[in-house]
Amino acid sequence: MVAYRAETAMANLMVKECGTFEQARALLRDVFLSEADLIPDNKNKILTVRLHNLSSRAHDKILDQLITVLNEAEVNFPGTNMLLHYTRIGSS
């Protein structure tokens, strides 16, 4: 139930750019199924989640906006004191 609510909250952030709520959820499913690199930085207590590019530049642009919101939330990885930091391969 927690995962469903998190997905719904993220879809609500993306719905304007995606067109419909269903399209936002579909894009999120693509993100959740895509590969990501986890890069721990124990010294600075940061866990970088580096997401791979999606199927189109338009989707990558929407993902970049979501990444900005997620990073602004400054959330720690559960059970640790490591700050989650999201990036996308190839983003500037």
PDB file of N, CA and C in Angstrom:
ATOM      1  N   MET A   1       0.818  -1.184   0.000  1.00  0.00           N
ATOM      2  CA  MET A   1       0.000   0.000   0.000  1.00  0.00           C
ATOM      3  C   MET A   1       0.873   1.264   0.000  1.00  0.00           C
ATOM      4  N   VAL A   2       1.985   1.213   0.718  1.00  0.00           N
ATOM      5  CA  VAL A   2       2.880   2.371   0.758  1.00  0.00           C
ATOM      6  C   VAL A   2       3.445   2.650  -0.629  1.00  0.00           C
ATOM      7  N   ALA A   3       3.848   1.600  -1.345  1.00  0.00           N
ATOM      8  CA  ALA A   3       4.401   1.772  -2.693  1.00  0.00           C
ATOM      9  C   ALA A   3       3.353   2.359  -3.638  1.00  0.00           C
ATOM     10  N   TYR A   4       2.123   1.905  -3.536  1.00  0.00           N
ATOM     11  CA  TYR A   4       1.042   2.421  -4.373  1.00  0.00           C
ATOM     12  C   TYR A   4       0.827   3.908  -4.115  1.00  0.00           C
ATOM     13  N   ARG A   5       0.840   4.300  -2.850  1.00  0.00           N
ATOM     14  CA  ARG A   5       0.638   5.715  -2.515  1.00  0.00           C
ATOM     15  C   ARG A   5       1.811   6.573  -2.989  1.00  0.00           C
ATOM     16  N   ALA A   6       3.020   6.035  -2.886  1.00  0.00           N
ATOM     17  CA  ALA A   6       4.188   6.770  -3.379  1.00  0.00           C
ATOM     18  C   ALA A   6       4.105   6.943  -4.896  1.00  0.00           C
ATOM     19  N   GLU A   7       3.719   5.882  -5.590  1.00  0.00           N
ATOM     20  CA  GLU A   7       3.574   5.964  -7.050  1.00  0.00           C
ATOM     21  C   GLU A   7       2.496   6.983  -7.431  1.00  0.00           C
ATOM     22  N   THR A   8       1.391   6.979  -6.699  1.00  0.00           N
ATOM     23  CA  THR A   8       0.309   7.926  -6.960  1.00  0.00           C
ATOM     24  C   THR A   8       0.772   9.360  -6.736  1.00  0.00           C
ATOM     25  N   ALA A   9       1.520   9.590  -5.673  1.00  0.00           N
ATOM     26  CA  ALA A   9       2.027  10.934  -5.390  1.00  0.00           C
ATOM     27  C   ALA A   9       2.978  11.400  -6.496  1.00  0.00           C
ATOM     28  N   MET A  10       3.857  10.519  -6.946  1.00  0.00           N
ATOM     29  CA  MET A  10       4.782  10.884  -8.023  1.00  0.00           C
ATOM     30  C   MET A  10       4.031  11.119  -9.326  1.00  0.00           C
ATOM     31  N   ALA A  11       3.025  10.301  -9.620  1.00  0.00           N
ATOM     32  CA  ALA A  11       2.230  10.485 -10.837  1.00  0.00           C
ATOM     33  C   ALA A  11       1.521  11.831 -10.810  1.00  0.00           C
ATOM     34  N   ASN A  12       1.033  12.231  -9.641  1.00  0.00           N
ATOM     35  CA  ASN A  12       0.383  13.538  -9.520  1.00  0.00           C
ATOM     36  C   ASN A  12       1.343  14.678  -9.831  1.00  0.00           C
ATOM     37  N   LEU A  13       2.621  14.504  -9.527  1.00  0.00           N
ATOM     38  CA  LEU A  13       3.629  15.520  -9.833  1.00  0.00           C
ATOM     39  C   LEU A  13       3.894  15.604 -11.336  1.00  0.00           C
ATOM     40  N   MET A  14       3.675  14.494 -12.051  1.00  0.00           N
ATOM     41  CA  MET A  14       4.029  14.402 -13.461  1.00  0.00           C
ATOM     42  C   MET A  14       2.855  14.551 -14.416  1.00  0.00           C
ATOM     43  N   VAL A  15       1.638  14.552 -13.900  1.00  0.00           N
ATOM     44  CA  VAL A  15       0.460  14.483 -14.764  1.00  0.00           C
ATOM     45  C   VAL A  15       0.372  15.653 -15.745  1.00  0.00           C
ATOM     46  N   LYS A  16       0.763  16.826 -15.336  1.00  0.00           N
ATOM     47  CA  LYS A  16       0.689  17.996 -16.225  1.00  0.00           C
ATOM     48  C   LYS A  16       1.582  17.809 -17.454  1.00  0.00           C
ATOM     49  N   GLU A  17       2.777  17.292 -17.244  1.00  0.00           N
ATOM     50  CA  GLU A  17       3.713  17.098 -18.347  1.00  0.00           C
ATOM     51  C   GLU A  17       3.357  15.885 -19.205  1.00  0.00           C
ATOM     52  N   CYS A  18       2.723  14.884 -18.602  1.00  0.00           N
ATOM     53  CA  CYS A  18       2.402  13.640 -19.317  1.00  0.00           C
ATOM     54  C   CYS A  18       1.075  13.702 -20.068  1.00  0.00           C
ATOM     55  N   GLY A  19       0.181  14.561 -19.656  1.00  0.00           N
ATOM     56  CA  GLY A  19      -1.110  14.663 -20.318  1.00  0.00           C
ATOM     57  C   GLY A  19      -2.236  14.055 -19.508  1.00  0.00           C
ATOM     58  N   THR A  20      -2.068  12.816 -19.074  1.00  0.00           N
ATOM     59  CA  THR A  20      -3.101  12.171 -18.258  1.00  0.00           C
ATOM     60  C   THR A  20      -2.446  11.448 -17.094  1.00  0.00           C
ATOM     61  N   PHE A  21      -3.258  11.173 -16.094  1.00  0.00           N
ATOM     62  CA  PHE A  21      -2.770  10.445 -14.931  1.00  0.00           C
ATOM     63  C   PHE A  21      -2.297   9.048 -15.332  1.00  0.00           C
ATOM     64  N   GLU A  22      -3.015   8.393 -16.231  1.00  0.00           N
ATOM     65  CA  GLU A  22      -2.650   7.048 -16.669  1.00  0.00           C
ATOM     66  C   GLU A  22      -1.310   7.057 -17.408  1.00  0.00           C
ATOM     67  N   GLN A  23      -1.058   8.091 -18.215  1.00  0.00           N
ATOM     68  CA  GLN A  23       0.223   8.194 -18.916  1.00  0.00           C
ATOM     69  C   GLN A  23       1.366   8.450 -17.929  1.00  0.00           C
ATOM     70  N   ALA A  24       1.094   9.224 -16.892  1.00  0.00           N
ATOM     71  CA  ALA A  24       2.109   9.468 -15.861  1.00  0.00           C
ATOM     72  C   ALA A  24       2.446   8.172 -15.137  1.00  0.00           C
ATOM     73  N   ARG A  25       1.430   7.388 -14.794  1.00  0.00           N
ATOM     74  CA  ARG A  25       1.671   6.097 -14.131  1.00  0.00           C
ATOM     75  C   ARG A  25       2.448   5.150 -15.044  1.00  0.00           C
ATOM     76  N   ALA A  26       2.111   5.145 -16.333  1.00  0.00           N
ATOM     77  CA  ALA A  26       2.817   4.281 -17.289  1.00  0.00           C
ATOM     78  C   ALA A  26       4.287   4.680 -17.381  1.00  0.00           C
ATOM     79  N   LEU A  27       4.556   5.973 -17.389  1.00  0.00           N
ATOM     80  CA  LEU A  27       5.945   6.435 -17.427  1.00  0.00           C
ATOM     81  C   LEU A  27       6.683   6.015 -16.158  1.00  0.00           C
ATOM     82  N   LEU A  28       6.026   6.127 -15.019  1.00  0.00           N
ATOM     83  CA  LEU A  28       6.647   5.697 -13.762  1.00  0.00           C
ATOM     84  C   LEU A  28       6.944   4.196 -13.772  1.00  0.00           C
ATOM     85  N   ARG A  29       6.031   3.405 -14.321  1.00  0.00           N
ATOM     86  CA  ARG A  29       6.295   1.962 -14.415  1.00  0.00           C
ATOM     87  C   ARG A  29       7.538   1.700 -15.247  1.00  0.00           C
ATOM     88  N   ASP A  30       7.713   2.469 -16.342  1.00  0.00           N
ATOM     89  CA  ASP A  30       8.920   2.335 -17.152  1.00  0.00           C
ATOM     90  C   ASP A  30      10.163   2.671 -16.338  1.00  0.00           C
ATOM     91  N   VAL A  31      10.079   3.719 -15.527  1.00  0.00           N
ATOM     92  CA  VAL A  31      11.210   4.110 -14.675  1.00  0.00           C
ATOM     93  C   VAL A  31      11.520   2.999 -13.678  1.00  0.00           C
ATOM     94  N   PHE A  32      10.477   2.450 -13.049  1.00  0.00           N
ATOM     95  CA  PHE A  32      10.672   1.411 -12.038  1.00  0.00           C
ATOM     96  C   PHE A  32      11.255   0.140 -12.634  1.00  0.00           C
ATOM     97  N   LEU A  33      10.983  -0.133 -13.892  1.00  0.00           N
ATOM     98  CA  LEU A  33      11.499  -1.344 -14.540  1.00  0.00           C
ATOM     99  C   LEU A  33      12.863  -1.133 -15.191  1.00  0.00           C
ATOM    100  N   SER A  34      13.279   0.112 -15.345  1.00  0.00           N
ATOM    101  CA  SER A  34      14.566   0.386 -15.988  1.00  0.00           C
ATOM    102  C   SER A  34      15.713   0.156 -15.006  1.00  0.00           C
ATOM    103  N   GLU A  35      16.889   0.055 -15.564  1.00  0.00           N
ATOM    104  CA  GLU A  35      18.073  -0.180 -14.738  1.00  0.00           C
ATOM    105  C   GLU A  35      18.518   1.107 -14.063  1.00  0.00           C
ATOM    106  N   ALA A  36      19.189   0.931 -12.944  1.00  0.00           N
ATOM    107  CA  ALA A  36      19.763   2.059 -12.216  1.00  0.00           C
ATOM    108  C   ALA A  36      21.058   1.602 -11.563  1.00  0.00           C
ATOM    109  N   ASP A  37      21.983   2.524 -11.433  1.00  0.00           N
ATOM    110  CA  ASP A  37      23.237   2.261 -10.737  1.00  0.00           C
ATOM    111  C   ASP A  37      23.137   2.841  -9.335  1.00  0.00           C
ATOM    112  N   LEU A  38      23.512   2.068  -8.336  1.00  0.00           N
ATOM    113  CA  LEU A  38      23.553   2.551  -6.958  1.00  0.00           C
ATOM    114  C   LEU A  38      25.006   2.816  -6.604  1.00  0.00           C
ATOM    115  N   ILE A  39      25.302   4.041  -6.229  1.00  0.00           N
ATOM    116  CA  ILE A  39      26.680   4.447  -5.966  1.00  0.00           C
ATOM    117  C   ILE A  39      26.754   5.012  -4.546  1.00  0.00           C
ATOM    118  N   PRO A  40      27.216   4.187  -3.591  1.00  0.00           N
ATOM    119  CA  PRO A  40      27.318   4.676  -2.214  1.00  0.00           C
ATOM    120  C   PRO A  40      28.561   5.536  -2.019  1.00  0.00           C
ATOM    121  N   ASP A  41      28.417   6.601  -1.277  1.00  0.00           N
ATOM    122  CA  ASP A  41      29.526   7.455  -0.865  1.00  0.00           C
ATOM    123  C   ASP A  41      29.465   7.509   0.658  1.00  0.00           C
ATOM    124  N   ASN A  42      30.139   6.555   1.294  1.00  0.00           N
ATOM    125  CA  ASN A  42      30.081   6.437   2.755  1.00  0.00           C
ATOM    126  C   ASN A  42      30.664   7.657   3.458  1.00  0.00           C
ATOM    127  N   LYS A  43      31.696   8.231   2.878  1.00  0.00           N
ATOM    128  CA  LYS A  43      32.344   9.385   3.506  1.00  0.00           C
ATOM    129  C   LYS A  43      31.380  10.567   3.631  1.00  0.00           C
ATOM    130  N   ASN A  44      30.637  10.852   2.575  1.00  0.00           N
ATOM    131  CA  ASN A  44      29.714  11.985   2.563  1.00  0.00           C
ATOM    132  C   ASN A  44      28.277  11.589   2.900  1.00  0.00           C
ATOM    133  N   LYS A  45      28.066  10.304   3.151  1.00  0.00           N
ATOM    134  CA  LYS A  45      26.753   9.769   3.522  1.00  0.00           C
ATOM    135  C   LYS A  45      25.686  10.079   2.458  1.00  0.00           C
ATOM    136  N   ILE A  46      26.047   9.740   1.208  1.00  0.00           N
ATOM    137  CA  ILE A  46      25.138   9.942   0.080  1.00  0.00           C
ATOM    138  C   ILE A  46      25.037   8.639  -0.707  1.00  0.00           C
ATOM    139  N   LEU A  47      23.819   8.256  -1.042  1.00  0.00           N
ATOM    140  CA  LEU A  47      23.603   7.126  -1.934  1.00  0.00           C
ATOM    141  C   LEU A  47      23.036   7.691  -3.232  1.00  0.00           C
ATOM    142  N   THR A  48      23.848   7.663  -4.280  1.00  0.00           N
ATOM    143  CA  THR A  48      23.418   8.173  -5.573  1.00  0.00           C
ATOM    144  C   THR A  48      22.701   7.068  -6.331  1.00  0.00           C
ATOM    145  N   VAL A  49      21.521   7.393  -6.826  1.00  0.00           N
ATOM    146  CA  VAL A  49      20.746   6.494  -7.678  1.00  0.00           C
ATOM    147  C   VAL A  49      20.815   7.097  -9.078  1.00  0.00           C
ATOM    148  N   ARG A  50      21.617   6.460  -9.938  1.00  0.00           N
ATOM    149  CA  ARG A  50      21.810   6.969 -11.295  1.00  0.00           C
ATOM    150  C   ARG A  50      20.907   6.194 -12.245  1.00  0.00           C
ATOM    151  N   LEU A  51      19.878   6.870 -12.731  1.00  0.00           N
ATOM    152  CA  LEU A  51      18.883   6.248 -13.597  1.00  0.00           C
ATOM    153  C   LEU A  51      19.346   6.270 -15.048  1.00  0.00           C
ATOM    154  N   HIS A  52      18.985   5.233 -15.763  1.00  0.00           N
ATOM    155  CA  HIS A  52      19.325   5.155 -17.180  1.00  0.00           C
ATOM    156  C   HIS A  52      18.277   5.888 -18.001  1.00  0.00           C
ATOM    157  N   ASN A  53      18.648   6.263 -19.206  1.00  0.00           N
ATOM    158  CA  ASN A  53      17.742   6.986 -20.088  1.00  0.00           C
ATOM    159  C   ASN A  53      16.520   6.145 -20.422  1.00  0.00           C
ATOM    160  N   LEU A  54      15.423   6.844 -20.661  1.00  0.00           N
ATOM    161  CA  LEU A  54      14.177   6.189 -21.040  1.00  0.00           C
ATOM    162  C   LEU A  54      14.083   6.111 -22.565  1.00  0.00           C
ATOM    163  N   SER A  55      12.915   5.806 -23.083  1.00  0.00           N
ATOM    164  CA  SER A  55      12.753   5.532 -24.508  1.00  0.00           C
ATOM    165  C   SER A  55      12.754   6.772 -25.395  1.00  0.00           C
ATOM    166  N   SER A  56      12.593   7.956 -24.804  1.00  0.00           N
ATOM    167  CA  SER A  56      12.577   9.173 -25.631  1.00  0.00           C
ATOM    168  C   SER A  56      13.106  10.359 -24.828  1.00  0.00           C
ATOM    169  N   ARG A  57      13.522  11.380 -25.565  1.00  0.00           N
ATOM    170  CA  ARG A  57      14.003  12.605 -24.912  1.00  0.00           C
ATOM    171  C   ARG A  57      12.896  13.269 -24.110  1.00  0.00           C
ATOM    172  N   ALA A  58      11.671  13.202 -24.621  1.00  0.00           N
ATOM    173  CA  ALA A  58      10.542  13.810 -23.908  1.00  0.00           C
ATOM    174  C   ALA A  58      10.342  13.144 -22.551  1.00  0.00           C
ATOM    175  N   HIS A  59      10.460  11.822 -22.515  1.00  0.00           N
ATOM    176  CA  HIS A  59      10.331  11.108 -21.237  1.00  0.00           C
ATOM    177  C   HIS A  59      11.496  11.431 -20.311  1.00  0.00           C
ATOM    178  N   ASP A  60      12.695  11.546 -20.876  1.00  0.00           N
ATOM    179  CA  ASP A  60      13.853  11.906 -20.057  1.00  0.00           C
ATOM    180  C   ASP A  60      13.669  13.292 -19.436  1.00  0.00           C
ATOM    181  N   LYS A  61      13.090  14.207 -20.185  1.00  0.00           N
ATOM    182  CA  LYS A  61      12.864  15.570 -19.683  1.00  0.00           C
ATOM    183  C   LYS A  61      11.887  15.554 -18.503  1.00  0.00           C
ATOM    184  N   ILE A  62      10.826  14.754 -18.612  1.00  0.00           N
ATOM    185  CA  ILE A  62       9.869  14.622 -17.513  1.00  0.00           C
ATOM    186  C   ILE A  62      10.539  13.970 -16.315  1.00  0.00           C
ATOM    187  N   LEU A  63      11.355  12.937 -16.577  1.00  0.00           N
ATOM    188  CA  LEU A  63      12.082  12.268 -15.497  1.00  0.00           C
ATOM    189  C   LEU A  63      13.019  13.246 -14.791  1.00  0.00           C
ATOM    190  N   ASP A  64      13.677  14.107 -15.534  1.00  0.00           N
ATOM    191  CA  ASP A  64      14.570  15.101 -14.918  1.00  0.00           C
ATOM    192  C   ASP A  64      13.814  16.016 -13.958  1.00  0.00           C
ATOM    193  N   GLN A  65      12.581  16.367 -14.309  1.00  0.00           N
ATOM    194  CA  GLN A  65      11.770  17.208 -13.425  1.00  0.00           C
ATOM    195  C   GLN A  65      11.410  16.451 -12.146  1.00  0.00           C
ATOM    196  N   LEU A  66      11.091  15.174 -12.280  1.00  0.00           N
ATOM    197  CA  LEU A  66      10.793  14.359 -11.101  1.00  0.00           C
ATOM    198  C   LEU A  66      12.036  14.219 -10.228  1.00  0.00           C
ATOM    199  N   ILE A  67      13.189  14.023 -10.842  1.00  0.00           N
ATOM    200  CA  ILE A  67      14.447  13.906 -10.104  1.00  0.00           C
ATOM    201  C   ILE A  67      14.695  15.166  -9.276  1.00  0.00           C
ATOM    202  N   THR A  68      14.421  16.311  -9.835  1.00  0.00           N
ATOM    203  CA  THR A  68      14.601  17.576  -9.108  1.00  0.00           C
ATOM    204  C   THR A  68      13.736  17.593  -7.853  1.00  0.00           C
ATOM    205  N   VAL A  69      12.482  17.193  -7.982  1.00  0.00           N
ATOM    206  CA  VAL A  69      11.566  17.174  -6.830  1.00  0.00           C
ATOM    207  C   VAL A  69      12.045  16.167  -5.788  1.00  0.00           C
ATOM    208  N   LEU A  70      12.445  14.987  -6.235  1.00  0.00           N
ATOM    209  CA  LEU A  70      12.912  13.960  -5.292  1.00  0.00           C
ATOM    210  C   LEU A  70      14.160  14.421  -4.541  1.00  0.00           C
ATOM    211  N   ASN A  71      15.080  15.064  -5.233  1.00  0.00           N
ATOM    212  CA  ASN A  71      16.296  15.548  -4.570  1.00  0.00           C
ATOM    213  C   ASN A  71      15.996  16.674  -3.589  1.00  0.00           C
ATOM    214  N   GLU A  72      15.025  17.520  -3.924  1.00  0.00           N
ATOM    215  CA  GLU A  72      14.655  18.613  -3.019  1.00  0.00           C
ATOM    216  C   GLU A  72      14.025  18.094  -1.731  1.00  0.00           C
ATOM    217  N   ALA A  73      13.455  16.893  -1.777  1.00  0.00           N
ATOM    218  CA  ALA A  73      12.828  16.305  -0.589  1.00  0.00           C
ATOM    219  C   ALA A  73      13.866  15.881   0.452  1.00  0.00           C
ATOM    220  N   GLU A  74      15.105  15.666   0.043  1.00  0.00           N
ATOM    221  CA  GLU A  74      16.205  15.279   0.934  1.00  0.00           C
ATOM    222  C   GLU A  74      15.820  14.110   1.840  1.00  0.00           C
ATOM    223  N   VAL A  75      15.554  12.970   1.215  1.00  0.00           N
ATOM    224  CA  VAL A  75      15.127  11.763   1.922  1.00  0.00           C
ATOM    225  C   VAL A  75      16.323  10.842   2.125  1.00  0.00           C
ATOM    226  N   ASN A  76      16.404  10.251   3.308  1.00  0.00           N
ATOM    227  CA  ASN A  76      17.435   9.254   3.579  1.00  0.00           C
ATOM    228  C   ASN A  76      16.962   7.878   3.137  1.00  0.00           C
ATOM    229  N   PHE A  77      17.907   7.060   2.687  1.00  0.00           N
ATOM    230  CA  PHE A  77      17.591   5.680   2.353  1.00  0.00           C
ATOM    231  C   PHE A  77      17.124   4.996   3.638  1.00  0.00           C
ATOM    232  N   PRO A  78      16.003   4.285   3.588  1.00  0.00           N
ATOM    233  CA  PRO A  78      15.441   3.688   4.811  1.00  0.00           C
ATOM    234  C   PRO A  78      16.451   2.831   5.587  1.00  0.00           C
ATOM    235  N   GLY A  79      16.486   3.035   6.875  1.00  0.00           N
ATOM    236  CA  GLY A  79      17.358   2.266   7.754  1.00  0.00           C
ATOM    237  C   GLY A  79      18.803   2.725   7.772  1.00  0.00           C
ATOM    238  N   THR A  80      19.091   3.848   7.092  1.00  0.00           N
ATOM    239  CA  THR A  80      20.469   4.361   7.059  1.00  0.00           C
ATOM    240  C   THR A  80      20.450   5.867   7.307  1.00  0.00           C
ATOM    241  N   ASN A  81      21.642   6.429   7.383  1.00  0.00           N
ATOM    242  CA  ASN A  81      21.777   7.885   7.462  1.00  0.00           C
ATOM    243  C   ASN A  81      22.289   8.440   6.135  1.00  0.00           C
ATOM    244  N   MET A  82      22.106   7.670   5.046  1.00  0.00           N
ATOM    245  CA  MET A  82      22.580   8.081   3.718  1.00  0.00           C
ATOM    246  C   MET A  82      21.473   8.812   2.960  1.00  0.00           C
ATOM    247  N   LEU A  83      21.803  10.018   2.511  1.00  0.00           N
ATOM    248  CA  LEU A  83      20.889  10.839   1.737  1.00  0.00           C
ATOM    249  C   LEU A  83      20.763  10.270   0.328  1.00  0.00           C
ATOM    250  N   LEU A  84      19.527  10.104  -0.133  1.00  0.00           N
ATOM    251  CA  LEU A  84      19.301   9.656  -1.509  1.00  0.00           C
ATOM    252  C   LEU A  84      19.486  10.840  -2.452  1.00  0.00           C
ATOM    253  N   HIS A  85      20.295  10.634  -3.484  1.00  0.00           N
ATOM    254  CA  HIS A  85      20.498  11.664  -4.500  1.00  0.00           C
ATOM    255  C   HIS A  85      20.312  11.003  -5.862  1.00  0.00           C
ATOM    256  N   TYR A  86      19.369  11.530  -6.648  1.00  0.00           N
ATOM    257  CA  TYR A  86      19.029  10.950  -7.943  1.00  0.00           C
ATOM    258  C   TYR A  86      19.674  11.743  -9.068  1.00  0.00           C
ATOM    259  N   THR A  87      20.173  11.018 -10.065  1.00  0.00           N
ATOM    260  CA  THR A  87      20.684  11.628 -11.281  1.00  0.00           C
ATOM    261  C   THR A  87      20.246  10.738 -12.452  1.00  0.00           C
ATOM    262  N   ARG A  88      20.417  11.251 -13.653  1.00  0.00           N
ATOM    263  CA  ARG A  88      20.158  10.468 -14.854  1.00  0.00           C
ATOM    264  C   ARG A  88      21.400  10.489 -15.709  1.00  0.00           C
ATOM    265  N   ILE A  89      21.780   9.354 -16.239  1.00  0.00           N
ATOM    266  CA  ILE A  89      22.943   9.275 -17.121  1.00  0.00           C
ATOM    267  C   ILE A  89      22.731  10.227 -18.282  1.00  0.00           C
ATOM    268  N   GLY A  90      23.717  11.071 -18.519  1.00  0.00           N
ATOM    269  CA  GLY A  90      23.643  11.997 -19.641  1.00  0.00           C
ATOM    270  C   GLY A  90      22.979  13.316 -19.325  1.00  0.00           C
ATOM    271  N   SER A  91      22.441  13.482 -18.128  1.00  0.00           N
ATOM    272  CA  SER A  91      21.837  14.773 -17.789  1.00  0.00           C
ATOM    273  C   SER A  91      22.934  15.734 -17.373  1.00  0.00           C
ATOM    274  N   SER A  92      22.662  17.000 -17.562  1.00  0.00           N
ATOM    275  CA  SER A  92      23.700  17.987 -17.206  1.00  0.00           C
ATOM    276  C   SER A  92      23.477  18.591 -15.861  1.00  0.00           C
TER     277      SER A  92
END
